[in-house]
Amino acid sequence: MLCLAALAIVTSHVAAAAGAPLRWEQWRSLPGVVDVGGPLSTGELVVAAGSHLFRLARDGTDSELAPAYARAPFTPPAGSEPYIAVASPEVAATACPFPRDSVFALRPAAPGSVVRIDPSGTVTTFARLPDAGGLNGIVFDTVGRFGHRLIVTGGVSGGHVAVVAIDCHGTATTLTRTAPQQEGGLAVAPTSFPRYGGDLIGPDELSGRVVATDPSGASAVIAESRAPAGGDTGVEAVAFVPPGFLAGGAAYAADRGTAGSPHPGTDTLLRLSAAALAGAGVHEGDMLLTTEASDRIVEIRCATDCAARTLGMGDPAAHGEGHLLMVADHPRPPPPAAVPITLGGDRNWVVVTIVVAAVAAGIGAASLALVRRRRREARR
């Protein structure tokens, strides 16, 4: 059910907070580039380009990840969007682990499926999803509210989206088939994100909206990007600035060559430094969006309400696809400042913070001091 109650949208600021608008660097030419994921434990990125998967080192050198992926029956259909997700330490160290550095790729055509590429390069069909429609999004739950499972979305009848969670054995559970329209580079919000920590966050290029879906399947529109919207135009990817990123790192996005589009693309993997984002006033924990048209960069910052502002653009011809990947040079765990807890099926939240612990400790210390004082007075 689409929940719009109490949703407040704040008008965006079109210019960046300070200095010149950000500009993507056209970093690495890759024909057919459609998505980027990782990093692997080696520090390399994984790039989906054409019918291939590549390891891409930080110096730009590449090697094929799994030659079998480019051959039948696994080769992606021409013109499809085989988005990828890479298993990280958070999903490798669980009761139902996904092997670290394994890669999962969509086979979008209905009936859709998910392909697994093991670190050894072995390629297998991981899960078949006949009821999920045309698959259009994939991401790992690294936070845990979805049980550290793989989350896949797909377009179904009525303009709705199915959201499916898949465990490490390939067992799929459909959470909803009535989520609002969304597709592309999905993300799971960190626990620090106001009201929607741990939820699946998806962009809708057609409306420019950003949608949150919780583990019960309930959905809510949480923000408006205020960017141009429509097919091959609107918001395509969402990501959250990770802990440690602003001390050093880079963001990556795919600019796919797309013949016949108003934004035909340049077949380039784009890069933007953490220093540039910090200079534009971006904070750790902020939500960032990119659009299909020109790889526009939009920041969403939420407190009681969510405010959007455009930070910069890519090449006017750019055609954004897939995930927005943000990689910190020296990642650090998020601070335990807030832990959201869902009460029943409600969207009420209890926020347990360090402040509570500090207050409790202060009360305890004051009580102990009072008891000692009364004992001293009693001895007199």
Protein backbone atom coordinates (compact mmCIF):
# COMPACT_ATOMS: atom_id res chain seq x y z
CA MET A 1 0.00 0.00 0.00
CA LEU A 2 1.37 3.38 -0.99
CA CYS A 3 1.72 5.44 2.17
CA LEU A 4 1.72 9.19 1.55
CA ALA A 5 0.53 10.33 4.98
CA ALA A 6 2.86 12.73 6.72
CA LEU A 7 5.07 12.97 3.62
CA ALA A 8 6.51 16.47 3.29
CA ILE A 9 8.58 17.50 0.32
CA VAL A 10 10.95 20.42 0.54
CA THR A 11 11.78 22.37 -2.62
CA SER A 12 15.23 21.53 -3.91
CA HIS A 13 18.16 23.87 -4.30
CA VAL A 14 19.42 23.59 -7.85
CA ALA A 15 23.00 24.71 -7.24
CA ALA A 16 25.60 22.96 -5.14
CA ALA A 17 26.22 24.31 -1.66
CA ALA A 18 29.55 25.88 -2.52
CA GLY A 19 31.85 26.21 -5.48
CA ALA A 20 31.28 25.05 -9.06
CA PRO A 21 28.78 22.24 -9.78
CA LEU A 22 30.26 18.75 -9.69
CA ARG A 23 31.28 17.07 -12.95
CA TRP A 24 31.83 13.37 -13.55
CA GLU A 25 35.20 12.23 -14.85
CA GLN A 26 34.93 9.99 -17.93
CA TRP A 27 37.33 7.51 -16.43
CA ARG A 28 37.34 4.21 -18.38
CA SER A 29 35.91 3.37 -21.81
CA LEU A 30 33.97 0.07 -21.72
CA PRO A 31 31.65 -0.84 -24.63
CA GLY A 32 28.17 -1.72 -23.38
CA VAL A 33 28.90 -0.83 -19.74
CA VAL A 34 25.66 -1.20 -17.78
CA ASP A 35 26.54 -1.67 -14.10
CA VAL A 36 29.32 -1.66 -11.52
CA GLY A 37 29.59 -3.43 -8.15
CA GLY A 38 32.00 -4.41 -5.43
CA PRO A 39 34.66 -3.93 -4.37
CA LEU A 40 36.03 -7.45 -4.24
CA SER A 41 38.35 -8.45 -1.40
CA THR A 42 41.22 -7.62 -3.78
CA GLY A 43 39.97 -4.03 -4.06
CA GLU A 44 38.90 -4.55 -7.68
CA LEU A 45 35.50 -3.48 -8.99
CA VAL A 46 33.17 -5.76 -10.97
CA VAL A 47 31.80 -4.26 -14.17
CA ALA A 48 29.01 -5.62 -16.38
CA ALA A 49 29.70 -4.53 -19.96
CA GLY A 50 28.12 -6.02 -23.06
CA SER A 51 27.84 -9.76 -22.47
CA HIS A 52 30.87 -9.86 -20.17
CA LEU A 53 31.85 -9.37 -16.55
CA PHE A 54 35.21 -7.76 -15.83
CA ARG A 55 37.45 -7.26 -12.84
CA LEU A 56 38.59 -3.65 -12.92
CA ALA A 57 41.56 -2.52 -10.85
CA ARG A 58 41.78 0.98 -9.42
CA ASP A 59 44.42 1.83 -12.05
CA GLY A 60 41.90 1.00 -14.80
CA THR A 61 43.34 -2.33 -15.93
CA ASP A 62 40.78 -5.10 -16.49
CA SER A 63 40.50 -8.85 -16.85
CA GLU A 64 37.54 -11.09 -17.60
CA LEU A 65 35.93 -12.41 -14.44
CA ALA A 66 34.17 -15.48 -15.84
CA PRO A 67 34.41 -16.36 -19.56
CA ALA A 68 31.51 -18.82 -19.19
CA TYR A 69 29.19 -15.92 -18.35
CA ALA A 70 29.46 -14.68 -21.94
CA ARG A 71 28.38 -18.04 -23.40
CA ALA A 72 24.98 -19.75 -23.69
CA PRO A 73 22.89 -20.35 -21.70
CA PHE A 74 24.12 -17.52 -19.48
CA THR A 75 24.95 -14.74 -21.91
CA PRO A 76 22.67 -11.72 -21.36
CA PRO A 77 20.15 -11.00 -24.13
CA ALA A 78 21.18 -8.12 -26.39
CA GLY A 79 19.95 -4.78 -25.09
CA SER A 80 19.00 -6.16 -21.66
CA GLU A 81 20.01 -4.66 -18.33
CA PRO A 82 21.76 -7.48 -16.41
CA TYR A 83 22.38 -5.56 -13.18
CA ILE A 84 24.73 -7.14 -10.66
CA ALA A 85 25.29 -7.47 -6.89
CA VAL A 86 28.55 -8.56 -5.24
CA ALA A 87 28.56 -10.49 -1.95
CA SER A 88 30.27 -8.39 0.73
CA PRO A 89 31.63 -9.31 4.19
CA GLU A 90 28.25 -8.43 5.76
CA VAL A 91 26.45 -11.20 3.83
CA ALA A 92 29.35 -13.65 3.95
CA ALA A 93 29.49 -13.80 7.77
CA THR A 94 25.91 -14.86 8.54
CA ALA A 95 24.09 -18.08 9.44
CA CYS A 96 23.17 -18.44 5.74
CA PRO A 97 26.28 -17.04 4.07
CA PHE A 98 26.79 -15.90 0.50
CA PRO A 99 30.44 -16.64 -0.37
CA ARG A 100 32.52 -13.45 -0.30
CA ASP A 101 33.20 -12.08 -3.79
CA SER A 102 30.49 -14.16 -5.47
CA VAL A 103 28.58 -12.13 -8.05
CA PHE A 104 24.86 -12.34 -8.83
CA ALA A 105 23.42 -11.06 -12.11
CA LEU A 106 19.86 -10.59 -13.34
CA ARG A 107 18.38 -12.36 -16.34
CA PRO A 108 15.65 -9.74 -16.76
CA ALA A 109 13.30 -11.28 -19.35
CA ALA A 110 10.08 -12.76 -17.96
CA PRO A 111 10.24 -15.39 -16.59
CA GLY A 112 13.34 -13.96 -14.97
CA SER A 113 16.16 -15.65 -13.13
CA VAL A 114 19.31 -14.84 -11.17
CA VAL A 115 22.71 -16.18 -12.20
CA ARG A 116 25.52 -16.80 -9.71
CA ILE A 117 29.20 -16.41 -10.59
CA ASP A 118 31.43 -18.02 -7.95
CA PRO A 119 34.86 -16.57 -7.12
CA SER A 120 36.35 -19.48 -9.10
CA GLY A 121 34.49 -18.33 -12.23
CA THR A 122 31.87 -21.09 -12.21
CA VAL A 123 28.50 -19.85 -13.51
CA THR A 124 25.17 -21.41 -12.47
CA THR A 125 21.49 -20.47 -12.34
CA PHE A 126 20.89 -19.48 -8.72
CA ALA A 127 17.14 -18.81 -8.60
CA ARG A 128 14.23 -18.82 -11.04
CA LEU A 129 11.56 -16.18 -10.40
CA PRO A 130 8.58 -16.85 -12.68
CA ASP A 131 6.21 -14.68 -10.61
CA ALA A 132 8.45 -11.61 -10.33
CA GLY A 133 7.84 -10.29 -13.84
CA GLY A 134 10.61 -8.54 -15.77
CA LEU A 135 13.47 -8.27 -13.31
CA ASN A 136 14.80 -4.74 -12.96
CA GLY A 137 16.75 -4.40 -9.69
CA ILE A 138 19.10 -6.35 -7.42
CA VAL A 139 20.93 -5.57 -4.17
CA PHE A 140 22.20 -7.32 -1.03
CA ASP A 141 20.74 -6.51 2.37
CA THR A 142 23.95 -5.63 4.19
CA VAL A 143 22.03 -4.13 7.14
CA GLY A 144 20.05 -7.19 8.23
CA ARG A 145 16.35 -6.27 8.40
CA PHE A 146 15.71 -8.55 5.41
CA GLY A 147 17.81 -11.32 6.95
CA HIS A 148 20.95 -10.44 4.94
CA ARG A 149 19.29 -11.87 1.85
CA LEU A 150 19.57 -10.93 -1.81
CA ILE A 151 16.70 -8.61 -2.80
CA VAL A 152 15.36 -8.56 -6.36
CA THR A 153 12.61 -6.43 -7.90
CA GLY A 154 10.59 -6.94 -11.06
CA GLY A 155 7.85 -5.14 -12.95
CA VAL A 156 4.45 -6.90 -12.85
CA SER A 157 0.98 -6.08 -14.15
CA GLY A 158 -0.84 -2.93 -13.13
CA GLY A 159 2.29 -0.79 -13.03
CA HIS A 160 3.38 -2.47 -9.78
CA VAL A 161 6.66 -4.01 -8.71
CA ALA A 162 7.34 -7.36 -7.04
CA VAL A 163 9.95 -7.43 -4.26
CA VAL A 164 11.55 -10.84 -3.64
CA ALA A 165 14.09 -11.85 -0.96
CA ILE A 166 16.36 -14.81 -1.75
CA ASP A 167 18.45 -16.69 0.82
CA CYS A 168 21.84 -18.30 0.28
CA HIS A 169 20.23 -21.56 -0.88
CA GLY A 170 18.28 -19.82 -3.63
CA THR A 171 14.96 -20.04 -1.77
CA ALA A 172 12.84 -17.07 -2.81
CA THR A 173 10.16 -15.34 -0.72
CA THR A 174 7.90 -12.77 -2.38
CA LEU A 175 7.42 -9.86 0.03
CA THR A 176 4.97 -7.95 -2.16
CA ARG A 177 3.68 -7.71 -5.71
CA THR A 178 2.13 -4.27 -5.26
CA ALA A 179 5.09 -2.01 -4.52
CA PRO A 180 5.19 1.33 -6.40
CA GLN A 181 7.13 1.64 -9.63
CA GLN A 182 10.92 1.52 -9.16
CA GLU A 183 13.90 0.02 -10.95
CA GLY A 184 17.63 0.36 -11.50
CA GLY A 185 20.33 0.80 -8.87
CA LEU A 186 18.68 -0.16 -5.58
CA ALA A 187 20.15 0.30 -2.08
CA VAL A 188 19.35 -0.65 1.51
CA ALA A 189 19.37 2.35 3.83
CA PRO A 190 21.79 2.35 6.78
CA THR A 191 20.23 2.15 10.24
CA SER A 192 21.08 5.82 10.79
CA PHE A 193 18.77 6.94 7.99
CA PRO A 194 15.75 8.71 9.56
CA ARG A 195 12.54 6.64 9.70
CA TYR A 196 13.55 4.23 6.95
CA GLY A 197 16.80 2.71 8.23
CA GLY A 198 17.21 -0.85 6.93
CA ASP A 199 14.50 -0.47 4.27
CA LEU A 200 14.93 -1.16 0.57
CA ILE A 201 15.24 2.14 -1.29
CA GLY A 202 14.44 2.32 -5.01
CA PRO A 203 14.30 5.13 -7.60
CA ASP A 204 11.50 5.61 -10.12
CA GLU A 205 12.71 7.25 -13.31
CA LEU A 206 9.14 7.80 -14.58
CA SER A 207 8.00 10.01 -11.66
CA GLY A 208 11.29 11.11 -10.09
CA ARG A 209 10.19 9.67 -6.76
CA VAL A 210 12.20 7.62 -4.27
CA VAL A 211 10.42 4.65 -2.67
CA ALA A 212 11.10 2.72 0.56
CA THR A 213 9.89 -0.86 1.12
CA ASP A 214 10.18 -2.57 4.51
CA PRO A 215 10.50 -6.34 5.18
CA SER A 216 6.72 -6.69 5.54
CA GLY A 217 6.28 -5.44 1.97
CA ALA A 218 4.78 -2.07 3.00
CA SER A 219 5.97 0.82 0.84
CA ALA A 220 6.13 4.60 1.10
CA VAL A 221 7.24 7.44 -1.16
CA ILE A 222 9.90 9.18 0.91
CA ALA A 223 11.25 11.92 -1.36
CA GLU A 224 10.97 13.70 -4.68
CA SER A 225 14.22 14.06 -6.59
CA ARG A 226 13.07 17.31 -8.27
CA ALA A 227 15.09 16.16 -11.29
CA PRO A 228 13.61 15.83 -14.80
CA ALA A 229 11.55 12.62 -14.92
CA GLY A 230 10.40 10.17 -17.57
CA GLY A 231 11.65 7.17 -19.51
CA ASP A 232 15.43 7.27 -20.15
CA THR A 233 15.45 10.52 -18.14
CA GLY A 234 14.60 10.26 -14.44
CA VAL A 235 16.37 8.90 -11.37
CA GLU A 236 18.13 5.61 -12.03
CA ALA A 237 20.28 4.83 -8.98
CA VAL A 238 20.41 5.49 -5.25
CA ALA A 239 23.29 5.10 -2.80
CA PHE A 240 24.20 6.21 0.72
CA VAL A 241 27.50 7.89 1.52
CA PRO A 242 29.28 5.20 3.60
CA PRO A 243 31.28 5.71 6.80
CA GLY A 244 34.85 6.72 6.04
CA PHE A 245 34.10 7.76 2.46
CA LEU A 246 34.73 11.47 2.82
CA ALA A 247 38.24 10.79 4.14
CA GLY A 248 39.10 9.29 0.76
CA GLY A 249 37.40 7.27 -1.94
CA ALA A 250 35.46 7.52 -5.19
CA ALA A 251 31.98 7.12 -6.61
CA TYR A 252 31.38 5.19 -9.84
CA ALA A 253 28.50 5.07 -12.32
CA ALA A 254 27.90 3.49 -15.74
CA ASP A 255 27.25 5.70 -18.77
CA ARG A 256 25.88 3.19 -21.27
CA GLY A 257 25.83 3.69 -25.03
CA THR A 258 22.12 3.56 -25.94
CA ALA A 259 21.35 4.08 -29.62
CA GLY A 260 18.13 5.95 -30.35
CA SER A 261 17.87 7.51 -26.90
CA PRO A 262 17.74 11.30 -26.46
CA HIS A 263 20.79 10.63 -24.27
CA PRO A 264 22.78 8.17 -26.38
CA GLY A 265 25.55 7.62 -23.84
CA THR A 266 29.31 7.37 -24.16
CA ASP A 267 30.06 3.74 -23.06
CA THR A 268 32.17 4.98 -20.17
CA LEU A 269 32.57 4.13 -16.51
CA LEU A 270 32.36 7.48 -14.72
CA ARG A 271 34.24 8.43 -11.55
CA LEU A 272 33.92 11.22 -8.98
CA SER A 273 36.27 11.73 -6.04
CA ALA A 274 35.20 11.80 -2.41
CA ALA A 275 37.05 15.11 -2.07
CA ALA A 276 34.80 16.68 -4.73
CA LEU A 277 31.66 15.46 -2.97
CA ALA A 278 32.94 16.69 0.39
CA GLY A 279 33.63 20.07 -1.17
CA ALA A 280 30.00 20.21 -2.32
CA GLY A 281 28.82 19.80 1.28
CA VAL A 282 27.87 16.12 1.16
CA HIS A 283 27.78 14.35 4.55
CA GLU A 284 28.26 10.70 5.41
CA GLY A 285 24.86 9.01 5.59
CA ASP A 286 23.31 11.29 2.94
CA MET A 287 21.39 9.72 0.09
CA LEU A 288 22.70 10.39 -3.40
CA LEU A 289 20.83 9.79 -6.65
CA THR A 290 21.90 9.72 -10.28
CA THR A 291 19.61 10.10 -13.28
CA GLU A 292 19.54 8.38 -16.65
CA ALA A 293 19.63 11.71 -18.47
CA SER A 294 23.16 13.13 -18.23
CA ASP A 295 23.99 11.29 -14.97
CA ARG A 296 22.76 14.23 -12.92
CA ILE A 297 23.85 13.98 -9.25
CA VAL A 298 21.15 14.71 -6.65
CA GLU A 299 21.62 14.78 -2.89
CA ILE A 300 18.72 13.87 -0.56
CA ARG A 301 19.13 14.81 3.09
CA CYS A 302 16.43 13.78 5.55
CA ALA A 303 15.53 14.83 9.08
CA THR A 304 11.84 15.41 9.76
CA ASP A 305 11.41 16.09 6.04
CA CYS A 306 13.57 15.27 3.00
CA ALA A 307 15.23 18.00 0.95
CA ALA A 308 16.74 17.52 -2.51
CA ARG A 309 19.39 19.52 -4.31
CA THR A 310 21.24 18.97 -7.58
CA LEU A 311 25.02 18.85 -7.14
CA GLY A 312 26.19 18.47 -10.72
CA MET A 313 25.94 16.75 -14.09
CA GLY A 314 27.70 14.43 -16.45
CA ASP A 315 28.13 14.85 -20.18
CA PRO A 316 24.83 16.10 -21.70
CA ALA A 317 24.78 12.95 -23.85
CA ALA A 318 25.38 10.62 -20.88
CA HIS A 319 22.94 7.76 -20.24
CA GLY A 320 23.12 6.50 -16.64
CA GLU A 321 22.41 2.83 -15.90
CA GLY A 322 22.67 0.48 -12.95
CA HIS A 323 24.05 1.20 -9.50
CA LEU A 324 25.79 4.21 -8.04
CA LEU A 325 28.78 2.64 -6.29
CA MET A 326 30.58 4.50 -3.50
CA VAL A 327 33.89 3.00 -2.35
CA ALA A 328 35.82 4.30 0.67
CA ASP A 329 39.59 3.89 0.63
CA HIS A 330 39.50 3.03 4.33
CA PRO A 331 35.95 1.99 5.24
CA ARG A 332 34.93 1.97 8.87
CA PRO A 333 31.86 0.52 10.57
CA PRO A 334 28.93 2.89 11.11
CA PRO A 335 28.69 4.41 14.60
CA PRO A 336 26.15 2.74 16.92
CA ALA A 337 24.35 6.03 17.41
CA ALA A 338 20.86 4.85 16.52
CA VAL A 339 19.24 1.44 16.22
CA PRO A 340 15.74 1.46 14.73
CA ILE A 341 13.34 -1.19 16.03
CA THR A 342 10.05 -1.96 14.30
CA LEU A 343 7.06 -2.33 16.59
CA GLY A 344 4.76 -4.96 15.06
CA GLY A 345 3.73 -4.04 11.52
CA ASP A 346 3.63 -0.36 12.35
CA ARG A 347 5.94 2.28 11.04
CA ASN A 348 6.47 3.54 14.58
CA TRP A 349 10.10 3.51 15.60
CA VAL A 350 11.87 3.27 18.92
CA VAL A 351 15.33 4.79 18.60
CA VAL A 352 17.86 3.48 21.07
CA THR A 353 20.84 5.83 21.23
CA ILE A 354 24.03 6.35 23.09
CA VAL A 355 22.33 9.30 24.77
CA VAL A 356 19.97 6.88 26.51
CA ALA A 357 22.90 4.89 27.83
CA ALA A 358 24.63 8.05 28.98
CA VAL A 359 21.51 9.28 30.78
CA ALA A 360 21.06 5.89 32.45
CA ALA A 361 24.69 5.90 33.56
CA GLY A 362 24.31 9.42 34.91
CA ILE A 363 21.19 8.50 36.88
CA GLY A 364 22.96 5.47 38.30
CA ALA A 365 25.98 7.51 39.37
CA ALA A 366 23.80 10.18 40.97
CA SER A 367 21.80 7.56 42.87
CA LEU A 368 24.97 5.91 44.17
CA ALA A 369 26.34 9.27 45.33
CA LEU A 370 23.07 10.01 47.15
CA VAL A 371 23.16 6.66 48.96
CA ARG A 372 26.76 7.23 50.08
CA ARG A 373 25.97 10.72 51.35
CA ARG A 374 23.03 9.46 53.40
CA ARG A 375 25.21 6.74 54.91
CA ARG A 376 27.82 9.30 55.95
CA GLU A 377 25.12 11.48 57.49
CA ALA A 378 23.69 8.49 59.38
CA ARG A 379 27.10 7.77 60.98
CA ARG A 380 27.39 11.29 62.41
